[in-house]
């Protein structure tokens, strides 16, 4: 490999930086393989698995719907004298081992955003049901609105390292549950062409939203070919009880072809055991019960293993989304999902900090790192959330996007081969060259495809930073947020489809908020 001396190595690097890379050439991209971090040993996993089987067979799930009882008992389940639905080991193992939904794709409206959930491919995204929007300029919070949700989707649409958008805020300006569900879905799918996750209070709401989504798709057939919205369904109420309305929502979504995130969200020390291993056991048992339920309704229906046990601060009982216990608990759940070889989604990045400050940074970093390396396919809540999910901050999406790019680079790992071992490169530089690598063609070729650079993070020297008036991270994020919200108005939903939707459904997002106004 011939040496390129400094002949303007800096100028050459500037040229490379100004040349856009194809998706395959970028240093990180959606779907790198995780799974290197394994908090549970093989023996641990075996013990948890057998405890899960014991839980489902000897304790079971309370409050089953009559249709659930009929469906599951006809497949080998049983109803206990206490009215709980029991799942024998043979039923659990048979459904999991013969499921056709192990390898699924979550579609985007734009095909470039499709998420292939095979193996340990990792994707970062949002989620949450925050009731407040955090204003970094005033350091105050206010009730979140439907416009805030649309703005969040628009920002995520522009973030390279946030791969999907699950609704992150509740529109507090819409009181009617039906209109809230429909407008939440509408604001999300019009704000981004990435895969969207949402939720529904009642099955009628789900059916109405799917009617709307079919308008966007162009037909029922096209929707079923590429369902670009999934339902986040809390079908259980921990500990170990079915949730009636949510189960009916689940059935509606399965019938209409919408992928399901089977969500168990107990809170350690409150609605799940304080022992972290026990919390994992309960969450896995609850989600496997839902997985059996879905596959008996429609074998192979796309379903995500959504074990989300949260952590309490046991001094107060308050949720602590940014704790070390939360980080290791979610990583263990990610590992269990891979043990069952099921598409797996966990939650991380749920800072307890109320603002995007230093506490927020370290809480998000270690929770997202462990989640990403656990091998879970989908890391929800990974960006934007503050105050243990009670607050959402638009500027946090910008900052967290930088963080997720760097984390994704750690997931990608290090490629070791004859070329990267660099013996000839060292010979070029040390024997035949200038004793530095700055202008070498390996350096120039790898600077963009091996290295990730922050968008708003600052890497200037102290001297350069002082000369630039000491730029602040929050100020940079605020400027970027305003720039996106002023300029980026997605048009992937056609005007004719939008007109039909507005004529047929009670859309509350004003049309004039969806176009640029100078």
Protein backbone atom coordinates (compact mmCIF):
# COMPACT_ATOMS: atom_id res chain seq x y z
CA UNK A 1 0.00 0.00 0.00
CA UNK A 2 1.74 3.17 -1.17
CA UNK A 3 2.18 6.08 1.19
CA UNK A 4 0.46 9.36 0.50
CA UNK A 5 2.52 12.00 2.23
CA UNK A 6 0.99 15.01 3.88
CA UNK A 7 0.56 16.72 0.63
CA UNK A 8 -2.38 18.19 2.08
CA UNK A 9 -3.61 15.34 4.15
CA UNK A 10 -5.96 17.77 5.90
CA UNK A 11 -7.32 19.01 2.56
CA UNK A 12 -7.81 15.43 1.42
CA UNK A 13 -9.70 14.63 4.58
CA UNK A 14 -11.96 17.63 4.06
CA UNK A 15 -12.79 16.41 0.57
CA UNK A 16 -13.65 12.97 1.93
CA UNK A 17 -15.83 14.44 4.64
CA UNK A 18 -17.79 16.45 2.09
CA UNK A 19 -18.50 13.39 -0.05
CA UNK A 20 -21.64 11.55 1.09
CA UNK A 21 -21.25 7.83 1.72
CA UNK A 22 -23.63 5.14 0.61
CA UNK A 23 -25.51 3.33 3.37
CA UNK A 24 -23.23 0.29 3.13
CA UNK A 25 -20.09 2.43 3.46
CA UNK A 26 -21.13 4.27 6.62
CA UNK A 27 -19.32 3.45 9.85
CA UNK A 28 -22.57 2.43 11.51
CA UNK A 29 -25.95 1.47 10.13
CA UNK A 30 -29.14 -0.06 11.50
CA UNK A 31 -28.96 -3.72 12.43
CA UNK A 32 -25.42 -4.39 13.64
CA UNK A 33 -25.15 -7.69 15.50
CA UNK A 34 -25.19 -7.40 19.29
CA UNK A 35 -25.13 -10.11 21.92
CA UNK A 36 -21.59 -9.68 23.26
CA UNK A 37 -22.75 -8.69 26.75
CA UNK A 38 -24.13 -11.67 28.67
CA UNK A 39 -25.03 -10.85 32.26
CA UNK A 40 -26.56 -14.30 32.69
CA UNK A 41 -24.45 -17.47 32.54
CA UNK A 42 -25.74 -20.53 30.71
CA UNK A 43 -26.64 -22.00 34.09
CA UNK A 44 -28.52 -18.81 35.04
CA UNK A 45 -30.54 -18.95 31.84
CA UNK A 46 -31.44 -22.59 32.41
CA UNK A 47 -32.60 -21.87 35.96
CA UNK A 48 -34.68 -18.90 34.84
CA UNK A 49 -36.22 -20.90 32.01
CA UNK A 50 -37.30 -23.71 34.35
CA UNK A 51 -38.63 -21.18 36.85
CA UNK A 52 -40.69 -19.61 34.04
CA UNK A 53 -42.13 -23.00 33.11
CA UNK A 54 -42.96 -23.69 36.77
CA UNK A 55 -44.62 -20.28 37.08
CA UNK A 56 -46.83 -20.75 34.04
CA UNK A 57 -47.80 -24.30 35.04
CA UNK A 58 -48.29 -23.94 38.81
CA UNK A 59 -49.37 -20.28 39.18
CA UNK A 60 -50.73 -19.36 35.74
CA UNK A 61 -52.35 -16.11 34.63
CA UNK A 62 -55.48 -14.72 36.31
CA UNK A 63 -58.56 -13.07 34.76
CA UNK A 64 -58.55 -14.79 31.35
CA UNK A 65 -61.24 -13.89 28.86
CA UNK A 66 -63.68 -16.71 27.99
CA UNK A 67 -62.29 -16.77 24.45
CA UNK A 68 -58.77 -17.15 25.87
CA UNK A 69 -59.83 -20.02 28.07
CA UNK A 70 -61.43 -21.82 25.13
CA UNK A 71 -58.48 -21.19 22.81
CA UNK A 72 -55.73 -22.17 25.23
CA UNK A 73 -57.44 -25.12 26.93
CA UNK A 74 -58.22 -26.59 23.52
CA UNK A 75 -54.45 -26.51 22.87
CA UNK A 76 -53.60 -28.25 26.14
CA UNK A 77 -53.87 -25.51 28.75
CA UNK A 78 -56.09 -25.80 31.81
CA UNK A 79 -58.15 -23.70 34.19
CA UNK A 80 -57.29 -24.00 37.88
CA UNK A 81 -59.82 -24.08 40.68
CA UNK A 82 -58.87 -20.45 41.39
CA UNK A 83 -59.87 -19.52 37.84
CA UNK A 84 -56.30 -19.00 36.63
CA UNK A 85 -55.20 -20.15 33.19
CA UNK A 86 -52.39 -22.69 33.40
CA UNK A 87 -49.84 -23.43 30.69
CA UNK A 88 -48.23 -26.89 30.83
CA UNK A 89 -44.55 -27.12 29.94
CA UNK A 90 -45.25 -29.11 26.80
CA UNK A 91 -47.52 -26.36 25.42
CA UNK A 92 -44.99 -23.59 26.10
CA UNK A 93 -42.08 -25.47 24.61
CA UNK A 94 -44.07 -26.65 21.60
CA UNK A 95 -45.35 -23.17 20.64
CA UNK A 96 -41.96 -21.50 21.12
CA UNK A 97 -40.02 -24.17 19.21
CA UNK A 98 -42.47 -24.33 16.29
CA UNK A 99 -43.24 -20.64 15.94
CA UNK A 100 -42.95 -19.10 12.49
CA UNK A 101 -42.49 -15.59 13.88
CA UNK A 102 -38.86 -15.95 14.94
CA UNK A 103 -37.60 -13.91 11.99
CA UNK A 104 -39.75 -10.92 11.16
CA UNK A 105 -39.42 -7.53 9.50
CA UNK A 106 -40.91 -4.34 10.85
CA UNK A 107 -41.64 -2.21 7.81
CA UNK A 108 -41.22 1.51 7.34
CA UNK A 109 -43.34 3.55 4.97
CA UNK A 110 -40.02 4.02 3.16
CA UNK A 111 -38.33 0.68 2.45
CA UNK A 112 -34.94 2.08 3.45
CA UNK A 113 -36.22 2.10 7.05
CA UNK A 114 -37.26 -1.60 7.17
CA UNK A 115 -36.01 -3.37 10.32
CA UNK A 116 -34.88 -6.97 9.86
CA UNK A 117 -35.21 -8.62 13.28
CA UNK A 118 -33.26 -11.79 12.53
CA UNK A 119 -30.49 -12.98 14.85
CA UNK A 120 -29.08 -10.30 17.18
CA UNK A 121 -29.57 -7.33 14.85
CA UNK A 122 -29.96 -4.21 17.00
CA UNK A 123 -32.06 -1.10 16.38
CA UNK A 124 -32.59 1.93 18.60
CA UNK A 125 -35.86 3.80 18.82
CA UNK A 126 -38.21 5.83 20.96
CA UNK A 127 -41.25 5.06 23.09
CA UNK A 128 -42.97 6.31 26.20
CA UNK A 129 -46.15 7.98 27.26
CA UNK A 130 -44.76 11.23 28.66
CA UNK A 131 -47.34 13.73 29.83
CA UNK A 132 -44.92 16.67 29.80
CA UNK A 133 -42.69 18.39 27.28
CA UNK A 134 -39.41 19.68 28.73
CA UNK A 135 -38.41 23.20 27.62
CA UNK A 136 -34.62 23.52 27.91
CA UNK A 137 -34.70 27.29 27.52
CA UNK A 138 -37.00 27.93 30.49
CA UNK A 139 -36.06 24.72 32.38
CA UNK A 140 -39.79 24.18 32.85
CA UNK A 141 -42.21 21.45 31.78
CA UNK A 142 -45.71 21.82 30.37
CA UNK A 143 -48.44 19.47 29.20
CA UNK A 144 -47.56 17.74 25.95
CA UNK A 145 -49.76 18.30 22.88
CA UNK A 146 -50.50 16.63 19.56
CA UNK A 147 -48.28 19.19 17.83
CA UNK A 148 -45.41 18.24 20.18
CA UNK A 149 -45.84 14.60 19.18
CA UNK A 150 -45.78 15.49 15.48
CA UNK A 151 -42.67 17.60 16.05
CA UNK A 152 -40.96 14.70 17.84
CA UNK A 153 -41.70 12.43 14.88
CA UNK A 154 -40.29 15.02 12.46
CA UNK A 155 -37.07 15.26 14.45
CA UNK A 156 -36.67 11.48 14.67
CA UNK A 157 -37.27 11.31 10.92
CA UNK A 158 -34.00 13.26 10.53
CA UNK A 159 -31.95 11.36 13.12
CA UNK A 160 -29.62 8.81 11.53
CA UNK A 161 -29.10 6.72 14.65
CA UNK A 162 -32.73 6.58 15.85
CA UNK A 163 -34.15 3.82 13.71
CA UNK A 164 -37.85 3.74 14.58
CA UNK A 165 -40.45 5.96 16.25
CA UNK A 166 -42.84 4.71 18.88
CA UNK A 167 -45.07 7.43 20.23
CA UNK A 168 -43.27 9.21 23.05
CA UNK A 169 -45.90 11.61 24.36
CA UNK A 170 -49.57 11.64 25.26
CA UNK A 171 -51.43 14.57 23.64
CA UNK A 172 -52.93 16.16 26.75
CA UNK A 173 -54.94 18.58 24.59
CA UNK A 174 -57.17 15.70 23.35
CA UNK A 175 -59.38 14.24 26.07
CA UNK A 176 -61.52 11.76 24.16
CA UNK A 177 -59.71 8.37 24.18
CA UNK A 178 -60.84 7.47 20.67
CA UNK A 179 -59.65 10.75 19.20
CA UNK A 180 -56.44 10.56 21.21
CA UNK A 181 -55.60 7.12 19.81
CA UNK A 182 -56.39 8.08 16.24
CA UNK A 183 -54.54 11.40 16.37
CA UNK A 184 -51.53 9.84 18.08
CA UNK A 185 -51.27 7.36 15.22
CA UNK A 186 -51.87 10.06 12.59
CA UNK A 187 -49.28 12.49 13.97
CA UNK A 188 -46.70 9.71 14.17
CA UNK A 189 -47.13 8.28 10.68
CA UNK A 190 -47.26 11.70 9.02
CA UNK A 191 -44.22 12.92 10.95
CA UNK A 192 -41.86 10.11 9.93
CA UNK A 193 -41.51 7.44 7.25
CA UNK A 194 -39.75 5.16 9.74
CA UNK A 195 -41.57 2.27 11.41
CA UNK A 196 -44.06 3.58 13.98
CA UNK A 197 -45.32 2.05 17.20
CA UNK A 198 -48.51 3.18 18.91
CA UNK A 199 -51.17 1.84 21.28
CA UNK A 200 -54.93 1.70 21.60
CA UNK A 201 -57.36 1.86 24.50
CA UNK A 202 -60.12 -0.21 22.88
CA UNK A 203 -60.36 -2.60 19.90
CA UNK A 204 -62.68 -0.19 18.05
CA UNK A 205 -59.91 2.41 18.18
CA UNK A 206 -57.44 -0.08 16.71
CA UNK A 207 -59.82 -1.00 13.89
CA UNK A 208 -60.47 2.64 13.05
CA UNK A 209 -56.76 3.43 12.98
CA UNK A 210 -56.05 0.45 10.75
CA UNK A 211 -58.77 1.70 8.40
CA UNK A 212 -56.84 4.98 8.26
CA UNK A 213 -53.53 3.20 7.70
CA UNK A 214 -55.04 1.27 4.79
CA UNK A 215 -55.86 4.60 3.16
CA UNK A 216 -52.19 5.56 3.46
CA UNK A 217 -51.09 2.16 2.14
CA UNK A 218 -53.49 2.33 -0.80
CA UNK A 219 -55.52 -0.79 0.00
CA UNK A 220 -56.03 -3.53 2.54
CA UNK A 221 -53.82 -5.84 0.45
CA UNK A 222 -50.96 -3.35 0.42
CA UNK A 223 -51.30 -2.76 4.16
CA UNK A 224 -51.12 -6.51 4.87
CA UNK A 225 -48.02 -6.80 2.67
CA UNK A 226 -46.17 -4.03 4.52
CA UNK A 227 -47.77 -3.12 7.87
CA UNK A 228 -45.67 -0.09 8.88
CA UNK A 229 -47.23 0.42 12.34
CA UNK A 230 -47.06 -1.96 15.29
CA UNK A 231 -49.21 -2.04 18.42
CA UNK A 232 -47.58 -1.74 21.83
CA UNK A 233 -49.94 -3.89 23.87
CA UNK A 234 -49.87 -4.15 27.68
CA UNK A 235 -51.95 -7.34 27.59
CA UNK A 236 -51.06 -8.22 31.18
CA UNK A 237 -51.42 -6.35 34.44
CA UNK A 238 -48.52 -7.50 36.61
CA UNK A 239 -48.39 -9.62 38.61
CA UNK A 240 -49.69 -12.38 36.32
CA UNK A 241 -53.14 -11.12 35.32
CA UNK A 242 -54.63 -10.60 31.87
CA UNK A 243 -55.87 -7.09 31.01
CA UNK A 244 -59.30 -7.44 29.41
CA UNK A 245 -59.42 -4.39 27.13
CA UNK A 246 -55.80 -4.78 26.04
CA UNK A 247 -56.37 -8.45 25.18
CA UNK A 248 -59.29 -7.44 22.99
CA UNK A 249 -57.06 -4.85 21.32
CA UNK A 250 -54.49 -7.58 20.75
CA UNK A 251 -57.08 -9.79 19.06
CA UNK A 252 -58.20 -6.93 16.81
CA UNK A 253 -54.64 -6.17 15.74
CA UNK A 254 -53.86 -9.81 15.03
CA UNK A 255 -57.02 -10.09 12.93
CA UNK A 256 -56.08 -6.94 10.96
CA UNK A 257 -52.44 -7.84 10.36
CA UNK A 258 -50.75 -5.37 12.72
CA UNK A 259 -47.52 -6.56 14.44
CA UNK A 260 -47.71 -6.75 18.23
CA UNK A 261 -45.22 -5.72 20.91
CA UNK A 262 -46.21 -8.06 23.75
CA UNK A 263 -45.48 -5.81 26.68
CA UNK A 264 -45.04 -6.79 30.31
CA UNK A 265 -44.13 -3.79 32.45
CA UNK A 266 -43.96 -4.81 36.09
CA UNK A 267 -42.06 -2.72 38.61
CA UNK A 268 -39.54 -4.54 40.78
CA UNK A 269 -40.50 -4.31 44.43
CA UNK A 270 -44.06 -3.21 43.61
CA UNK A 271 -45.74 -5.29 40.88
CA UNK A 272 -42.90 -7.76 40.33
CA UNK A 273 -40.41 -9.33 42.76
CA UNK A 274 -37.73 -7.07 44.19
CA UNK A 275 -35.17 -9.80 43.44
CA UNK A 276 -34.00 -9.02 39.93
CA UNK A 277 -33.93 -12.68 38.90
CA UNK A 278 -37.53 -13.05 40.06
CA UNK A 279 -38.50 -9.94 38.13
CA UNK A 280 -37.01 -11.50 34.99
CA UNK A 281 -38.90 -14.76 35.64
CA UNK A 282 -42.24 -13.02 36.02
CA UNK A 283 -41.77 -10.82 32.93
CA UNK A 284 -40.68 -13.75 30.76
CA UNK A 285 -43.61 -15.88 31.98
CA UNK A 286 -46.11 -13.12 31.24
CA UNK A 287 -44.76 -12.46 27.75
CA UNK A 288 -44.54 -16.15 26.84
CA UNK A 289 -48.20 -16.50 27.82
CA UNK A 290 -48.99 -13.69 25.40
CA UNK A 291 -46.82 -15.24 22.73
CA UNK A 292 -48.74 -18.52 23.02
CA UNK A 293 -52.02 -16.58 22.87
CA UNK A 294 -51.01 -14.74 19.67
CA UNK A 295 -49.74 -17.87 17.93
CA UNK A 296 -52.90 -19.78 18.74
CA UNK A 297 -54.94 -16.91 17.29
CA UNK A 298 -52.79 -16.82 14.12
CA UNK A 299 -49.69 -18.96 13.90
CA UNK A 300 -46.64 -16.96 12.88
CA UNK A 301 -48.23 -13.55 13.42
CA UNK A 302 -45.38 -11.02 13.95
CA UNK A 303 -44.99 -10.62 17.70
CA UNK A 304 -42.16 -9.05 19.70
CA UNK A 305 -40.97 -10.47 23.02
CA UNK A 306 -41.38 -7.28 25.09
CA UNK A 307 -40.09 -7.95 28.59
CA UNK A 308 -39.95 -4.49 30.21
CA UNK A 309 -39.64 -4.96 33.99
CA UNK A 310 -38.96 -1.59 35.56
CA UNK A 311 -37.13 -0.77 38.79
CA UNK A 312 -38.33 1.04 41.89
CA UNK A 313 -36.24 3.19 44.17
CA UNK A 314 -37.12 1.06 47.20
CA UNK A 315 -36.68 4.03 49.53
CA UNK A 316 -39.63 5.84 47.94
CA UNK A 317 -41.34 3.38 45.58
CA UNK A 318 -40.80 5.75 42.66
CA UNK A 319 -39.69 4.36 39.32
CA UNK A 320 -35.96 4.65 38.60
CA UNK A 321 -35.47 4.25 34.86
CA UNK A 322 -31.86 5.43 34.94
CA UNK A 323 -30.55 3.09 37.62
CA UNK A 324 -27.83 0.48 37.30
CA UNK A 325 -30.36 -2.13 38.36
CA UNK A 326 -32.59 -1.09 35.45
CA UNK A 327 -29.68 -1.43 33.04
CA UNK A 328 -28.71 -4.95 34.08
CA UNK A 329 -32.34 -6.09 34.37
CA UNK A 330 -33.17 -5.09 30.80
CA UNK A 331 -29.96 -6.60 29.46
CA UNK A 332 -30.87 -9.90 31.15
CA UNK A 333 -34.30 -9.76 29.51
CA UNK A 334 -32.66 -9.14 26.15
CA UNK A 335 -30.51 -12.21 26.71
CA UNK A 336 -33.56 -14.31 27.57
CA UNK A 337 -35.28 -13.23 24.36
CA UNK A 338 -32.29 -14.45 22.40
CA UNK A 339 -32.36 -17.74 24.36
CA UNK A 340 -35.88 -18.32 23.02
CA UNK A 341 -34.76 -17.04 19.61
CA UNK A 342 -37.68 -14.62 19.47
CA UNK A 343 -37.77 -11.06 18.12
CA UNK A 344 -37.01 -9.12 21.28
CA UNK A 345 -37.64 -5.56 22.44
CA UNK A 346 -36.48 -4.04 25.72
CA UNK A 347 -36.37 -0.50 27.13
CA UNK A 348 -33.37 1.65 28.04
CA UNK A 349 -32.36 5.30 28.09
CA UNK A 350 -35.08 6.30 30.57
CA UNK A 351 -33.16 8.94 32.49
CA UNK A 352 -34.37 9.93 35.93
CA UNK A 353 -32.87 13.37 35.35
CA UNK A 354 -35.44 16.05 34.56
CA UNK A 355 -33.23 17.83 32.01
CA UNK A 356 -30.65 16.75 29.41
CA UNK A 357 -27.76 17.34 31.80
CA UNK A 358 -24.76 15.33 33.01
CA UNK A 359 -26.95 12.96 35.05
CA UNK A 360 -29.13 12.37 32.01
CA UNK A 361 -26.05 11.62 29.92
CA UNK A 362 -24.55 8.98 32.16
CA UNK A 363 -27.90 7.31 32.92
CA UNK A 364 -28.80 7.03 29.26
CA UNK A 365 -25.32 5.93 28.24
CA UNK A 366 -24.93 2.89 30.46
CA UNK A 367 -28.53 1.72 30.11
CA UNK A 368 -28.43 2.00 26.30
CA UNK A 369 -24.98 0.41 26.07
CA UNK A 370 -25.94 -2.70 28.03
CA UNK A 371 -29.24 -3.00 26.18
CA UNK A 372 -27.59 -2.68 22.79
CA UNK A 373 -24.94 -5.26 23.58
CA UNK A 374 -27.44 -7.73 25.08
CA UNK A 375 -28.57 -8.82 21.63
CA UNK A 376 -32.13 -7.51 21.93
CA UNK A 377 -33.39 -6.48 18.49
CA UNK A 378 -35.23 -3.33 19.53
CA UNK A 379 -34.18 -0.86 22.22
CA UNK A 380 -37.20 1.29 23.00
CA UNK A 381 -37.11 4.55 25.01
CA UNK A 382 -33.48 4.98 23.94
CA UNK A 383 -33.77 8.68 23.11
CA UNK A 384 -35.67 11.76 24.17
CA UNK A 385 -37.02 10.72 27.55
CA UNK A 386 -36.51 12.47 30.89
CA UNK A 387 -37.94 12.25 34.41
CA UNK A 388 -38.39 8.46 34.38
CA UNK A 389 -40.66 8.67 31.30
CA UNK A 390 -42.81 11.51 32.61
CA UNK A 391 -41.06 14.07 30.41
CA UNK A 392 -39.97 14.24 26.78
CA UNK A 393 -37.42 16.73 25.47
CA UNK A 394 -37.06 17.50 21.77
CA UNK A 395 -33.46 18.62 22.19
CA UNK A 396 -32.68 15.30 23.86
CA UNK A 397 -33.40 13.53 20.59
CA UNK A 398 -30.61 15.56 19.00
CA UNK A 399 -28.13 14.88 21.81
CA UNK A 400 -29.09 11.23 22.19
CA UNK A 401 -28.69 10.67 18.46
CA UNK A 402 -24.97 11.46 18.88
CA UNK A 403 -24.79 9.06 21.81
CA UNK A 404 -26.56 6.25 19.93
CA UNK A 405 -24.25 6.64 16.96
CA UNK A 406 -21.26 6.10 19.24
CA UNK A 407 -22.96 3.17 21.02
CA UNK A 408 -23.81 1.57 17.70
CA UNK A 409 -20.13 1.84 16.78
CA UNK A 410 -19.25 -0.21 19.86
CA UNK A 411 -21.83 -2.81 18.82
CA UNK A 412 -20.27 -3.05 15.37
CA UNK A 413 -17.00 -4.00 17.02
CA UNK A 414 -13.58 -4.38 15.41
CA UNK A 415 -12.98 -6.18 12.13
CA UNK A 416 -9.78 -8.26 12.29
CA UNK A 417 -8.25 -9.41 8.99
CA UNK A 418 -4.97 -9.22 7.10
CA UNK A 419 -5.66 -5.69 5.94
CA UNK A 420 -6.80 -4.25 9.27
CA UNK A 421 -3.87 -5.81 11.14
CA UNK A 422 -1.90 -3.14 9.24
CA UNK A 423 1.58 -4.70 9.12
CA UNK A 424 2.25 -3.34 5.63
CA UNK A 425 0.89 0.04 6.67
CA UNK A 426 3.30 0.17 9.61
CA UNK A 427 6.14 -0.82 7.28
CA UNK A 428 5.15 1.99 4.87
CA UNK A 429 5.16 4.58 7.63
CA UNK A 430 8.01 3.43 9.84
CA UNK A 431 10.55 2.34 7.20
CA UNK A 432 9.63 4.12 3.97
CA UNK A 433 7.57 7.06 5.18
CA UNK A 434 7.33 10.09 7.43
CA UNK A 435 6.73 8.23 10.75
CA UNK A 436 3.09 9.27 10.97
CA UNK A 437 -0.14 7.97 9.48
CA UNK A 438 -1.93 11.26 8.77
CA UNK A 439 -1.64 11.13 5.01
CA UNK A 440 -1.60 7.40 4.48
CA UNK A 441 -4.28 6.10 2.13
CA UNK A 442 -5.50 3.67 4.81
CA UNK A 443 -6.16 6.60 7.13
CA UNK A 444 -7.98 8.50 4.40
CA UNK A 445 -10.02 5.50 3.33
CA UNK A 446 -11.11 4.61 6.87
CA UNK A 447 -11.78 8.05 8.32
CA UNK A 448 -15.40 8.04 7.12
CA UNK A 449 -16.29 4.35 6.95
CA UNK A 450 -14.75 3.29 10.30
CA UNK A 451 -15.17 6.40 12.45
CA UNK A 452 -18.37 8.04 13.74
CA UNK A 453 -18.46 11.80 14.34
CA UNK A 454 -20.95 13.68 16.53
CA UNK A 455 -23.37 16.18 15.05
CA UNK A 456 -23.64 18.45 18.08
CA UNK A 457 -21.02 17.08 20.45
CA UNK A 458 -17.91 19.26 20.66
CA UNK A 459 -14.41 17.91 19.98
CA UNK A 460 -12.56 21.20 19.63
CA UNK A 461 -9.36 21.82 21.55
CA UNK A 462 -9.77 24.12 24.56
CA UNK A 463 -8.11 26.92 22.55
CA UNK A 464 -10.46 26.46 19.58
CA UNK A 465 -13.42 26.16 21.93
CA UNK A 466 -12.58 29.44 23.64
CA UNK A 467 -12.05 31.18 20.31
CA UNK A 468 -15.49 29.95 19.19
CA UNK A 469 -17.14 31.60 22.25
CA UNK A 470 -17.35 28.35 24.21
CA UNK A 471 -20.29 26.67 22.46
CA UNK A 472 -22.64 24.75 24.75
CA UNK A 473 -24.13 21.34 23.92
CA UNK A 474 -27.67 22.39 24.79
CA UNK A 475 -27.37 25.53 22.68
CA UNK A 476 -26.18 23.44 19.73
CA UNK A 477 -29.06 20.98 20.21
CA UNK A 478 -31.55 23.82 20.51
CA UNK A 479 -30.34 25.38 17.25
CA UNK A 480 -30.52 22.02 15.49
CA UNK A 481 -34.04 21.40 16.82
CA UNK A 482 -35.28 24.77 15.60
CA UNK A 483 -33.65 24.22 12.21
CA UNK A 484 -35.38 20.86 11.71
CA UNK A 485 -38.77 22.08 12.91
CA UNK A 486 -38.56 25.11 10.62
CA UNK A 487 -37.50 23.23 7.50
CA UNK A 488 -38.48 19.55 7.65
CA UNK A 489 -42.10 18.75 6.79
CA UNK A 490 -42.34 15.18 5.50
CA UNK A 491 -44.47 14.52 2.43
CA UNK A 492 -44.50 10.73 2.30
CA UNK A 493 -48.28 10.70 2.93
CA UNK A 494 -49.82 12.03 -0.27
CA UNK A 495 -52.21 14.98 -0.27
CA UNK A 496 -55.07 12.93 -1.72
CA UNK A 497 -54.71 10.30 1.02
CA UNK A 498 -54.50 12.99 3.67
CA UNK A 499 -57.63 14.66 2.29
CA UNK A 500 -59.55 11.38 2.49
CA UNK A 501 -58.33 10.81 6.05
CA UNK A 502 -59.35 14.29 7.17
CA UNK A 503 -62.80 13.88 5.61
CA UNK A 504 -63.37 10.50 7.23
CA UNK A 505 -61.63 10.75 10.63
CA UNK A 506 -61.50 13.40 13.40
CA UNK A 507 -57.95 14.63 12.76
CA UNK A 508 -57.01 17.35 15.23
CA UNK A 509 -53.53 18.20 13.97
CA UNK A 510 -53.97 21.52 12.10
CA UNK A 511 -52.96 21.35 8.45
CA UNK A 512 -51.15 24.70 8.71
CA UNK A 513 -48.78 23.15 11.30
CA UNK A 514 -47.65 20.63 8.68
CA UNK A 515 -46.30 23.11 6.14
CA UNK A 516 -43.41 25.55 6.25
CA UNK A 517 -44.33 29.13 7.11
CA UNK A 518 -41.67 31.79 6.46
